[in-house]
C-alpha atoms as a PDB file:
ATOM      1  CA  MET A   1       8.123 -26.789 -21.968  1.00  0.00           C
ATOM      2  CA  GLN A   2       5.369 -27.673 -24.444  1.00  0.00           C
ATOM      3  CA  ASN A   3       2.985 -28.349 -21.582  1.00  0.00           C
ATOM      4  CA  GLN A   4       3.505 -24.688 -20.389  1.00  0.00           C
ATOM      5  CA  LEU A   5       2.358 -23.416 -23.817  1.00  0.00           C
ATOM      6  CA  LYS A   6      -0.982 -25.053 -23.420  1.00  0.00           C
ATOM      7  CA  PRO A   7      -3.932 -23.907 -21.301  1.00  0.00           C
ATOM      8  CA  LYS A   8      -4.091 -26.092 -18.262  1.00  0.00           C
ATOM      9  CA  SER A   9      -7.861 -26.067 -18.485  1.00  0.00           C
ATOM     10  CA  PRO A  10     -10.213 -24.128 -20.722  1.00  0.00           C
ATOM     11  CA  GLU A  11     -12.496 -23.463 -17.733  1.00  0.00           C
ATOM     12  CA  TRP A  12     -10.056 -21.135 -16.060  1.00  0.00           C
ATOM     13  CA  THR A  13     -10.668 -18.081 -18.117  1.00  0.00           C
ATOM     14  CA  ILE A  14      -9.625 -14.721 -16.874  1.00  0.00           C
ATOM     15  CA  LEU A  15     -13.279 -13.851 -15.859  1.00  0.00           C
ATOM     16  CA  LYS A  16     -13.903 -17.062 -14.067  1.00  0.00           C
ATOM     17  CA  LEU A  17     -10.569 -16.876 -12.251  1.00  0.00           C
ATOM     18  CA  LEU A  18     -11.241 -13.247 -11.070  1.00  0.00           C
ATOM     19  CA  LYS A  19     -14.675 -14.395  -9.764  1.00  0.00           C
ATOM     20  CA  TRP A  20     -13.158 -17.432  -7.864  1.00  0.00           C
ATOM     21  CA  THR A  21     -10.332 -15.317  -6.456  1.00  0.00           C
ATOM     22  CA  THR A  22     -12.518 -12.487  -5.289  1.00  0.00           C
ATOM     23  CA  SER A  23     -14.855 -14.894  -3.481  1.00  0.00           C
ATOM     24  CA  TYR A  24     -11.677 -16.712  -1.992  1.00  0.00           C
ATOM     25  CA  PHE A  25     -10.319 -13.498  -0.703  1.00  0.00           C
ATOM     26  CA  LYS A  26     -13.644 -12.507   0.705  1.00  0.00           C
ATOM     27  CA  SER A  27     -13.754 -15.712   2.729  1.00  0.00           C
ATOM     28  CA  HIS A  28     -10.305 -14.966   4.129  1.00  0.00           C
ATOM     29  CA  ASN A  29     -11.240 -11.375   5.077  1.00  0.00           C
ATOM     30  CA  ILE A  30      -8.697  -9.799   2.521  1.00  0.00           C
ATOM     31  CA  ASP A  31      -9.344  -6.138   2.083  1.00  0.00           C
ATOM     32  CA  SER A  32     -10.613  -4.996  -1.383  1.00  0.00           C
ATOM     33  CA  PRO A  33     -10.914  -8.596  -2.734  1.00  0.00           C
ATOM     34  CA  ARG A  34     -12.008  -7.723  -6.295  1.00  0.00           C
ATOM     35  CA  ALA A  35      -9.317  -5.045  -6.820  1.00  0.00           C
ATOM     36  CA  THR A  36      -6.744  -7.275  -5.248  1.00  0.00           C
ATOM     37  CA  ALA A  37      -7.613 -10.115  -7.562  1.00  0.00           C
ATOM     38  CA  GLU A  38      -7.460  -7.696 -10.586  1.00  0.00           C
ATOM     39  CA  ILE A  39      -4.085  -6.337  -9.687  1.00  0.00           C
ATOM     40  CA  LEU A  40      -2.496  -9.634  -9.024  1.00  0.00           C
ATOM     41  CA  LEU A  41      -3.843 -11.213 -12.088  1.00  0.00           C
ATOM     42  CA  ALA A  42      -2.808  -8.289 -14.266  1.00  0.00           C
ATOM     43  CA  HIS A  43       0.638  -8.446 -12.788  1.00  0.00           C
ATOM     44  CA  THR A  44       0.724 -12.165 -13.552  1.00  0.00           C
ATOM     45  CA  LEU A  45      -0.169 -11.591 -17.222  1.00  0.00           C
ATOM     46  CA  LYS A  46       1.943  -8.456 -17.563  1.00  0.00           C
ATOM     47  CA  SER A  47      -1.167  -6.493 -18.633  1.00  0.00           C
ATOM     48  CA  ARG A  48      -3.251  -3.563 -17.436  1.00  0.00           C
ATOM     49  CA  ARG A  49      -6.332  -4.155 -15.250  1.00  0.00           C
ATOM     50  CA  ILE A  50      -8.549  -2.857 -18.031  1.00  0.00           C
ATOM     51  CA  ASP A  51      -7.184  -5.469 -20.484  1.00  0.00           C
ATOM     52  CA  LEU A  52      -8.504  -8.324 -18.168  1.00  0.00           C
ATOM     53  CA  TYR A  53     -12.011  -7.347 -19.285  1.00  0.00           C
ATOM     54  CA  LEU A  54     -11.029  -7.018 -22.930  1.00  0.00           C
ATOM     55  CA  ARG A  55      -9.789 -10.550 -22.788  1.00  0.00           C
ATOM     56  CA  TYR A  56     -12.257 -11.982 -20.242  1.00  0.00           C
ATOM     57  CA  ASP A  57     -12.676 -15.387 -21.979  1.00  0.00           C
ATOM     58  CA  GLN A  58      -9.122 -15.963 -22.516  1.00  0.00           C
ATOM     59  CA  PRO A  59      -7.903 -19.153 -20.726  1.00  0.00           C
ATOM     60  CA  LEU A  60      -4.619 -19.061 -18.700  1.00  0.00           C
ATOM     61  CA  TYR A  61      -1.591 -21.177 -19.365  1.00  0.00           C
ATOM     62  CA  SER A  62      -0.347 -23.596 -16.713  1.00  0.00           C
ATOM     63  CA  ASN A  63       2.611 -21.514 -15.938  1.00  0.00           C
ATOM     64  CA  GLU A  64       0.473 -18.422 -15.563  1.00  0.00           C
ATOM     65  CA  LEU A  65      -1.862 -20.316 -13.044  1.00  0.00           C
ATOM     66  CA  SER A  66       1.081 -21.432 -11.132  1.00  0.00           C
ATOM     67  CA  LEU A  67       2.430 -17.881 -10.767  1.00  0.00           C
ATOM     68  CA  PHE A  68      -0.934 -16.494  -9.907  1.00  0.00           C
ATOM     69  CA  LYS A  69      -1.502 -19.187  -7.211  1.00  0.00           C
ATOM     70  CA  THR A  70       1.763 -18.166  -5.655  1.00  0.00           C
ATOM     71  CA  LEU A  71       0.793 -14.561  -5.549  1.00  0.00           C
ATOM     72  CA  ILE A  72      -2.631 -15.532  -3.944  1.00  0.00           C
ATOM     73  CA  LYS A  73      -0.681 -17.449  -1.180  1.00  0.00           C
ATOM     74  CA  ARG A  74       1.503 -14.351  -0.500  1.00  0.00           C
ATOM     75  CA  ARG A  75      -1.590 -12.212  -0.152  1.00  0.00           C
ATOM     76  CA  LEU A  76      -3.208 -14.670   2.160  1.00  0.00           C
ATOM     77  CA  ALA A  77      -0.125 -14.342   4.392  1.00  0.00           C
ATOM     78  CA  ARG A  78      -1.122 -10.694   4.483  1.00  0.00           C
ATOM     79  CA  GLU A  79       1.736  -9.454   2.491  1.00  0.00           C
ATOM     80  CA  PRO A  80       0.806  -6.051   0.936  1.00  0.00           C
ATOM     81  CA  VAL A  81      -0.145  -6.015  -2.600  1.00  0.00           C
ATOM     82  CA  ALA A  82       2.383  -3.327  -3.336  1.00  0.00           C
ATOM     83  CA  TYR A  83       5.202  -5.419  -2.143  1.00  0.00           C
ATOM     84  CA  ILE A  84       4.025  -8.443  -4.063  1.00  0.00           C
ATOM     85  CA  VAL A  85       3.805  -6.554  -7.456  1.00  0.00           C
ATOM     86  CA  GLY A  86       6.689  -4.109  -6.515  1.00  0.00           C
ATOM     87  CA  ILE A  87       4.842  -0.968  -7.578  1.00  0.00           C
ATOM     88  CA  LYS A  88       2.555   1.607  -5.762  1.00  0.00           C
ATOM     89  CA  GLU A  89       0.918   4.623  -7.404  1.00  0.00           C
ATOM     90  CA  PHE A  90       1.237   7.921  -5.509  1.00  0.00           C
ATOM     91  CA  TRP A  91       0.425  11.409  -6.885  1.00  0.00           C
ATOM     92  CA  SER A  92      -0.114   9.827 -10.374  1.00  0.00           C
ATOM     93  CA  LEU A  93       3.441   8.475 -10.212  1.00  0.00           C
ATOM     94  CA  ASP A  94       4.222   4.738 -10.356  1.00  0.00           C
ATOM     95  CA  LEU A  95       6.939   4.121  -7.813  1.00  0.00           C
ATOM     96  CA  ALA A  96       8.824   0.985  -7.136  1.00  0.00           C
ATOM     97  CA  VAL A  97       8.470  -0.107  -3.621  1.00  0.00           C
ATOM     98  CA  THR A  98      10.399  -2.870  -1.558  1.00  0.00           C
ATOM     99  CA  LYS A  99      10.301  -3.941   2.071  1.00  0.00           C
ATOM    100  CA  ASP A 100      13.100  -1.552   2.697  1.00  0.00           C
ATOM    101  CA  VAL A 101      10.528   1.474   2.568  1.00  0.00           C
ATOM    102  CA  LEU A 102       7.034   2.242   3.650  1.00  0.00           C
ATOM    103  CA  ILE A 103       4.278   1.975   1.142  1.00  0.00           C
ATOM    104  CA  PRO A 104       3.028   5.459   0.272  1.00  0.00           C
ATOM    105  CA  ARG A 105      -0.337   6.346   1.703  1.00  0.00           C
ATOM    106  CA  PRO A 106      -3.213   8.364   0.339  1.00  0.00           C
ATOM    107  CA  GLU A 107      -3.213  10.621   3.433  1.00  0.00           C
ATOM    108  CA  THR A 108       0.347  11.710   2.623  1.00  0.00           C
ATOM    109  CA  GLU A 109      -0.971  13.466  -0.477  1.00  0.00           C
ATOM    110  CA  CYS A 110      -2.378  16.059   2.059  1.00  0.00           C
ATOM    111  CA  LEU A 111       1.283  16.917   2.905  1.00  0.00           C
ATOM    112  CA  ILE A 112       2.066  17.369  -0.755  1.00  0.00           C
ATOM    113  CA  GLU A 113      -0.992  19.617  -1.233  1.00  0.00           C
ATOM    114  CA  ALA A 114       0.071  21.790   1.823  1.00  0.00           C
ATOM    115  CA  ALA A 115       3.591  22.071   0.480  1.00  0.00           C
ATOM    116  CA  ILE A 116       2.841  23.114  -3.104  1.00  0.00           C
ATOM    117  CA  SER A 117       0.355  25.805  -1.825  1.00  0.00           C
ATOM    118  CA  LEU A 118       3.220  27.557  -0.053  1.00  0.00           C
ATOM    119  CA  PHE A 119       5.317  28.358  -3.126  1.00  0.00           C
ATOM    120  CA  PRO A 120       4.327  29.318  -6.721  1.00  0.00           C
ATOM    121  CA  ASP A 121       5.332  27.263  -9.800  1.00  0.00           C
ATOM    122  CA  ASP A 122       7.956  28.487 -12.170  1.00  0.00           C
ATOM    123  CA  SER A 123       5.451  30.236 -14.381  1.00  0.00           C
ATOM    124  CA  SER A 124       4.415  32.681 -11.776  1.00  0.00           C
ATOM    125  CA  SER A 125       5.629  36.362 -11.797  1.00  0.00           C
ATOM    126  CA  GLY A 126       8.349  37.147  -9.325  1.00  0.00           C
ATOM    127  CA  PHE A 127       9.473  33.511  -9.244  1.00  0.00           C
ATOM    128  CA  LYS A 128      12.444  32.838  -6.916  1.00  0.00           C
ATOM    129  CA  LEU A 129      14.286  29.650  -6.832  1.00  0.00           C
ATOM    130  CA  LYS A 130      13.432  27.633  -3.799  1.00  0.00           C
ATOM    131  CA  ARG A 131      15.619  24.895  -1.987  1.00  0.00           C
ATOM    132  CA  ILE A 132      13.432  22.123  -0.585  1.00  0.00           C
ATOM    133  CA  LEU A 133      14.662  19.260   1.714  1.00  0.00           C
ATOM    134  CA  GLU A 134      12.794  16.144   2.463  1.00  0.00           C
ATOM    135  CA  LEU A 135      13.952  14.165   5.532  1.00  0.00           C
ATOM    136  CA  GLY A 136      13.290  10.334   5.489  1.00  0.00           C
ATOM    137  CA  THR A 137      12.485  10.049   1.798  1.00  0.00           C
ATOM    138  CA  GLY A 138      11.859   6.227   1.721  1.00  0.00           C
ATOM    139  CA  SER A 139      10.717   5.432  -1.898  1.00  0.00           C
ATOM    140  CA  GLY A 140      10.990   9.061  -2.734  1.00  0.00           C
ATOM    141  CA  ALA A 141       7.275   9.568  -3.024  1.00  0.00           C
ATOM    142  CA  ILE A 142       7.126  13.037  -1.403  1.00  0.00           C
ATOM    143  CA  ILE A 143      10.104  14.671  -3.052  1.00  0.00           C
ATOM    144  CA  LEU A 144       9.316  13.194  -6.516  1.00  0.00           C
ATOM    145  CA  ALA A 145       5.605  14.485  -6.258  1.00  0.00           C
ATOM    146  CA  LEU A 146       6.975  17.939  -5.371  1.00  0.00           C
ATOM    147  CA  ALA A 147       9.643  18.022  -8.089  1.00  0.00           C
ATOM    148  CA  SER A 148       7.066  16.891 -10.714  1.00  0.00           C
ATOM    149  CA  LYS A 149       4.812  19.783  -9.729  1.00  0.00           C
ATOM    150  CA  ARG A 150       7.198  22.520  -8.942  1.00  0.00           C
ATOM    151  CA  LYS A 151       9.884  22.190 -11.549  1.00  0.00           C
ATOM    152  CA  GLY A 152      12.816  24.571 -11.660  1.00  0.00           C
ATOM    153  CA  ASN A 153      13.526  24.524  -7.916  1.00  0.00           C
ATOM    154  CA  ILE A 154      16.410  22.694  -6.224  1.00  0.00           C
ATOM    155  CA  PHE A 155      15.420  19.594  -4.366  1.00  0.00           C
ATOM    156  CA  PHE A 156      17.258  17.507  -1.749  1.00  0.00           C
ATOM    157  CA  ALA A 157      16.234  14.259   0.014  1.00  0.00           C
ATOM    158  CA  SER A 158      17.835  11.998   2.639  1.00  0.00           C
ATOM    159  CA  ASP A 159      17.176   8.752   4.451  1.00  0.00           C
ATOM    160  CA  ARG A 160      19.380   7.021   6.855  1.00  0.00           C
ATOM    161  CA  SER A 161      18.777   3.774   4.946  1.00  0.00           C
ATOM    162  CA  ILE A 162      21.087   3.487   2.051  1.00  0.00           C
ATOM    163  CA  LYS A 163      18.765   0.912   0.380  1.00  0.00           C
ATOM    164  CA  ALA A 164      15.922   3.388   0.563  1.00  0.00           C
ATOM    165  CA  VAL A 165      18.086   6.194  -0.950  1.00  0.00           C
ATOM    166  CA  LYS A 166      19.053   3.830  -3.885  1.00  0.00           C
ATOM    167  CA  LEU A 167      15.467   2.915  -4.383  1.00  0.00           C
ATOM    168  CA  ALA A 168      14.394   6.535  -4.379  1.00  0.00           C
ATOM    169  CA  LEU A 169      17.082   7.465  -6.874  1.00  0.00           C
ATOM    170  CA  LEU A 170      15.850   4.648  -9.087  1.00  0.00           C
ATOM    171  CA  ASN A 171      12.440   6.054  -8.971  1.00  0.00           C
ATOM    172  CA  ALA A 172      13.726   9.548  -9.786  1.00  0.00           C
ATOM    173  CA  LYS A 173      15.473   8.105 -12.815  1.00  0.00           C
ATOM    174  CA  CYS A 174      12.249   6.369 -13.950  1.00  0.00           C
ATOM    175  CA  HIS A 175      10.430   9.720 -14.003  1.00  0.00           C
ATOM    176  CA  ASN A 176      13.484  11.765 -15.385  1.00  0.00           C
ATOM    177  CA  LEU A 177      13.807  13.620 -12.164  1.00  0.00           C
ATOM    178  CA  ASP A 178      17.236  12.318 -11.089  1.00  0.00           C
ATOM    179  CA  GLU A 179      19.100  15.453 -12.184  1.00  0.00           C
ATOM    180  CA  THR A 180      16.559  17.584 -10.238  1.00  0.00           C
ATOM    181  CA  ILE A 181      16.939  15.884  -6.907  1.00  0.00           C
ATOM    182  CA  ASN A 182      20.106  15.604  -4.829  1.00  0.00           C
ATOM    183  CA  PHE A 183      19.974  12.398  -2.665  1.00  0.00           C
ATOM    184  CA  PHE A 184      22.134  11.632   0.309  1.00  0.00           C
ATOM    185  CA  SER A 185      22.144   9.336   3.317  1.00  0.00           C
ATOM    186  CA  GLY A 186      22.153  10.265   7.004  1.00  0.00           C
ATOM    187  CA  ASP A 187      20.155  10.403  10.177  1.00  0.00           C
ATOM    188  CA  TRP A 188      17.814  13.272   9.946  1.00  0.00           C
ATOM    189  CA  LEU A 189      19.797  16.599  10.109  1.00  0.00           C
ATOM    190  CA  THR A 190      22.980  15.137  11.158  1.00  0.00           C
ATOM    191  CA  PRO A 191      24.749  15.293   7.640  1.00  0.00           C
ATOM    192  CA  LEU A 192      24.055  19.075   7.331  1.00  0.00           C
ATOM    193  CA  LYS A 193      27.381  20.256   8.931  1.00  0.00           C
ATOM    194  CA  ASN A 194      27.595  23.490   6.950  1.00  0.00           C
ATOM    195  CA  LYS A 195      24.713  25.702   8.330  1.00  0.00           C
ATOM    196  CA  THR A 196      25.198  28.219   5.522  1.00  0.00           C
ATOM    197  CA  HIS A 197      23.256  25.914   3.199  1.00  0.00           C
ATOM    198  CA  LEU A 198      19.793  26.776   4.250  1.00  0.00           C
ATOM    199  CA  PHE A 199      16.468  25.616   2.927  1.00  0.00           C
ATOM    200  CA  ASP A 200      13.270  27.373   2.063  1.00  0.00           C
ATOM    201  CA  MET A 201      11.293  24.311   3.063  1.00  0.00           C
ATOM    202  CA  ILE A 202      11.914  21.255   5.115  1.00  0.00           C
ATOM    203  CA  ILE A 203       9.334  18.439   4.757  1.00  0.00           C
ATOM    204  CA  SER A 204       8.977  15.021   6.335  1.00  0.00           C
ATOM    205  CA  ASN A 205       6.767  12.091   7.193  1.00  0.00           C
ATOM    206  CA  PRO A 206       8.689  10.820  10.091  1.00  0.00           C
ATOM    207  CA  PRO A 207       7.959   7.728  12.296  1.00  0.00           C
ATOM    208  CA  TYR A 208       5.083   8.715  14.709  1.00  0.00           C
ATOM    209  CA  ILE A 209       3.675   5.361  15.980  1.00  0.00           C
ATOM    210  CA  GLN A 210       4.196   4.461  19.644  1.00  0.00           C
ATOM    211  CA  THR A 211       6.528   1.448  19.942  1.00  0.00           C
ATOM    212  CA  ARG A 212       4.091  -0.566  22.169  1.00  0.00           C
ATOM    213  CA  THR A 213       1.299  -0.313  19.585  1.00  0.00           C
ATOM    214  CA  ILE A 214       3.250  -1.341  16.314  1.00  0.00           C
ATOM    215  CA  ASP A 215       2.494  -5.084  16.955  1.00  0.00           C
ATOM    216  CA  LYS A 216      -1.194  -4.189  17.341  1.00  0.00           C
ATOM    217  CA  LEU A 217      -1.552  -2.821  13.827  1.00  0.00           C
ATOM    218  CA  GLU A 218      -2.704  -4.813  10.854  1.00  0.00           C
ATOM    219  CA  PRO A 219      -0.389  -7.676   9.940  1.00  0.00           C
ATOM    220  CA  GLU A 220       0.370  -6.068   6.543  1.00  0.00           C
ATOM    221  CA  ILE A 221       2.111  -3.384   8.416  1.00  0.00           C
ATOM    222  CA  TYR A 222       3.866  -4.906  11.419  1.00  0.00           C
ATOM    223  CA  ARG A 223       4.965  -8.124   9.602  1.00  0.00           C
ATOM    224  CA  TYR A 224       6.255  -6.352   6.415  1.00  0.00           C
ATOM    225  CA  GLU A 225       6.959  -2.750   6.650  1.00  0.00           C
ATOM    226  CA  PRO A 226      10.231  -1.539   8.025  1.00  0.00           C
ATOM    227  CA  ARG A 227       9.909  -0.892  11.774  1.00  0.00           C
ATOM    228  CA  MET A 228      12.318   1.943  11.864  1.00  0.00           C
ATOM    229  CA  ALA A 229      10.102   3.930   9.525  1.00  0.00           C
ATOM    230  CA  LEU A 230       7.167   3.363  11.816  1.00  0.00           C
ATOM    231  CA  ASP A 231       8.661   3.547  15.385  1.00  0.00           C
ATOM    232  CA  GLY A 232       8.277   6.952  16.867  1.00  0.00           C
ATOM    233  CA  GLY A 233       9.517   5.959  20.303  1.00  0.00           C
ATOM    234  CA  GLU A 234       7.710   5.440  23.596  1.00  0.00           C
ATOM    235  CA  ASP A 235       5.281   8.346  23.070  1.00  0.00           C
ATOM    236  CA  GLY A 236       5.380   8.298  19.212  1.00  0.00           C
ATOM    237  CA  LEU A 237       6.855  11.798  19.211  1.00  0.00           C
ATOM    238  CA  CYS A 238      10.576  11.254  19.246  1.00  0.00           C
ATOM    239  CA  SER A 239      11.313  11.911  15.587  1.00  0.00           C
ATOM    240  CA  LEU A 240       8.681  14.741  15.406  1.00  0.00           C
ATOM    241  CA  ARG A 241      10.361  16.363  18.571  1.00  0.00           C
ATOM    242  CA  TYR A 242      13.821  16.120  17.179  1.00  0.00           C
ATOM    243  CA  ILE A 243      12.864  17.611  13.791  1.00  0.00           C
ATOM    244  CA  ILE A 244      10.807  20.478  15.201  1.00  0.00           C
ATOM    245  CA  CYS A 245      13.561  21.313  17.719  1.00  0.00           C
ATOM    246  CA  ASN A 246      16.382  21.496  15.193  1.00  0.00           C
ATOM    247  CA  ALA A 247      14.912  22.201  11.666  1.00  0.00           C
ATOM    248  CA  HIS A 248      14.790  25.979  12.341  1.00  0.00           C
ATOM    249  CA  ILE A 249      18.652  26.002  12.279  1.00  0.00           C
ATOM    250  CA  TYR A 250      18.532  24.903   8.608  1.00  0.00           C
ATOM    251  CA  LEU A 251      15.690  27.092   7.468  1.00  0.00           C
ATOM    252  CA  THR A 252      16.026  30.386   5.680  1.00  0.00           C
ATOM    253  CA  GLN A 253      14.333  33.512   7.214  1.00  0.00           C
ATOM    254  CA  ASP A 254      10.696  32.725   6.914  1.00  0.00           C
ATOM    255  CA  GLY A 255      11.522  29.285   5.818  1.00  0.00           C
ATOM    256  CA  CYS A 256       8.756  26.625   6.356  1.00  0.00           C
ATOM    257  CA  LEU A 257       8.611  23.350   8.114  1.00  0.00           C
ATOM    258  CA  LEU A 258       5.941  20.775   7.197  1.00  0.00           C
ATOM    259  CA  LEU A 259       5.274  17.414   8.862  1.00  0.00           C
ATOM    260  CA  GLU A 260       2.920  14.580   8.600  1.00  0.00           C
ATOM    261  CA  ILE A 261       1.662  13.590  12.237  1.00  0.00           C
ATOM    262  CA  GLY A 262      -0.461  10.862  13.833  1.00  0.00           C
ATOM    263  CA  HIS A 263      -4.263  11.332  13.820  1.00  0.00           C
ATOM    264  CA  ASP A 264      -4.275  12.003  17.608  1.00  0.00           C
ATOM    265  CA  GLN A 265      -1.121  14.016  17.980  1.00  0.00           C
ATOM    266  CA  LYS A 266      -2.199  17.610  17.212  1.00  0.00           C
ATOM    267  CA  ASP A 267      -2.214  18.755  20.892  1.00  0.00           C
ATOM    268  CA  ASP A 268       1.150  17.108  21.687  1.00  0.00           C
ATOM    269  CA  VAL A 269       2.818  18.421  18.621  1.00  0.00           C
ATOM    270  CA  GLN A 270       1.338  21.948  19.478  1.00  0.00           C
ATOM    271  CA  LYS A 271       3.074  21.842  22.822  1.00  0.00           C
ATOM    272  CA  ILE A 272       6.432  20.851  21.278  1.00  0.00           C
ATOM    273  CA  ILE A 273       6.228  23.694  18.899  1.00  0.00           C
ATOM    274  CA  ASP A 274       5.220  26.176  21.642  1.00  0.00           C
ATOM    275  CA  LYS A 275       8.176  24.939  23.848  1.00  0.00           C
ATOM    276  CA  SER A 276      10.698  25.395  21.004  1.00  0.00           C
ATOM    277  CA  GLY A 277       9.786  29.002  20.525  1.00  0.00           C
ATOM    278  CA  ASN A 278      11.215  29.068  16.955  1.00  0.00           C
ATOM    279  CA  TYR A 279       8.161  29.066  14.876  1.00  0.00           C
ATOM    280  CA  GLU A 280       4.935  31.157  14.080  1.00  0.00           C
ATOM    281  CA  HIS A 281       1.951  30.889  11.796  1.00  0.00           C
ATOM    282  CA  VAL A 282       1.285  27.215  12.850  1.00  0.00           C
ATOM    283  CA  VAL A 283      -1.447  25.568  10.928  1.00  0.00           C
ATOM    284  CA  PHE A 284      -2.873  22.065  11.309  1.00  0.00           C
ATOM    285  CA  THR A 285      -4.570  20.534   8.242  1.00  0.00           C
ATOM    286  CA  LYS A 286      -7.094  17.650   8.259  1.00  0.00           C
ATOM    287  CA  ASP A 287      -6.809  14.578   5.969  1.00  0.00           C
ATOM    288  CA  TYR A 288      -9.501  13.080   3.801  1.00  0.00           C
ATOM    289  CA  SER A 289     -10.927  11.225   6.834  1.00  0.00           C
ATOM    290  CA  GLY A 290     -11.229  14.404   8.925  1.00  0.00           C
ATOM    291  CA  TYR A 291      -8.149  13.744  11.110  1.00  0.00           C
ATOM    292  CA  TYR A 292      -5.551  16.360  11.718  1.00  0.00           C
ATOM    293  CA  ARG A 293      -2.656  14.904   9.624  1.00  0.00           C
ATOM    294  CA  VAL A 294      -0.373  17.806   8.597  1.00  0.00           C
ATOM    295  CA  VAL A 295       1.176  20.660  10.443  1.00  0.00           C
ATOM    296  CA  ARG A 296       3.033  23.558   8.869  1.00  0.00           C
ATOM    297  CA  MET A 297       4.836  26.277  10.475  1.00  0.00           C
ATOM    298  CA  ARG A 298       7.091  29.215   9.538  1.00  0.00           C
ATOM    299  CA  LYS A 299      10.517  29.987  11.143  1.00  0.00           C
ATOM    300  CA  LYS A 300      10.394  33.198  13.309  1.00  0.00           C
ATOM    301  CA  GLY A 301      12.083  36.130  11.615  1.00  0.00           C
END
């Protein structure tokens, strides 16, 4: 144990280790090599990334070097950084993530922006309590972001994975939102037997990737992220089609449905909406890369 309390080598300071790891990641085509090195080293040292540069000349202990080496190997195997450190920031919220849930993506924040634009916050005049349901909550990223921005409403979130629901509840507790959100497990709208319990908004980021293309994605995705949260069926539209064709039953008069879609699915989704005949005021919104990523629609009165 005494050996672990001594630096293995004074040359392996924080700064030198960051430089070496960045170069090593670059040589293995690891995305964002410097940021990745910083995140993994900060995780190893149980510190903030900014603290690495405040302590840049500090040598690492042998046990710290051993742990850091293990994390480097995991990343070289293309395991996502979020799964390695167990945390992903989304909408300024630190969320616990495991391999039971998708890692929240920046483009999903466009879905949040579209949702919060549709109803006022609790300080607005004429405020009326809203009931919001998220389908396929995963880590809880979407519903937690909404609950943090639109306090005073009633939130519900479901997922067919019980492990995902438990993780989402854990994240809710960490942000003091567990009493605001009602979690339950089930396959899409199936648990909603009582159609008198309607929602002002239903929101979801469902699976929308074609089955045959999943194994062609980056190894970080197809090797590690849960397939059932990715697989949208043969045409990628299976889950989107089901939600669009059934969500109106559970929406209040003039209730809204919001969905994240694939970057090339706008025309196909529009056809599904038109065929259903249950919605109006359909609006597609582009993400930060210029792709149509979000669709919102209102139930016909």
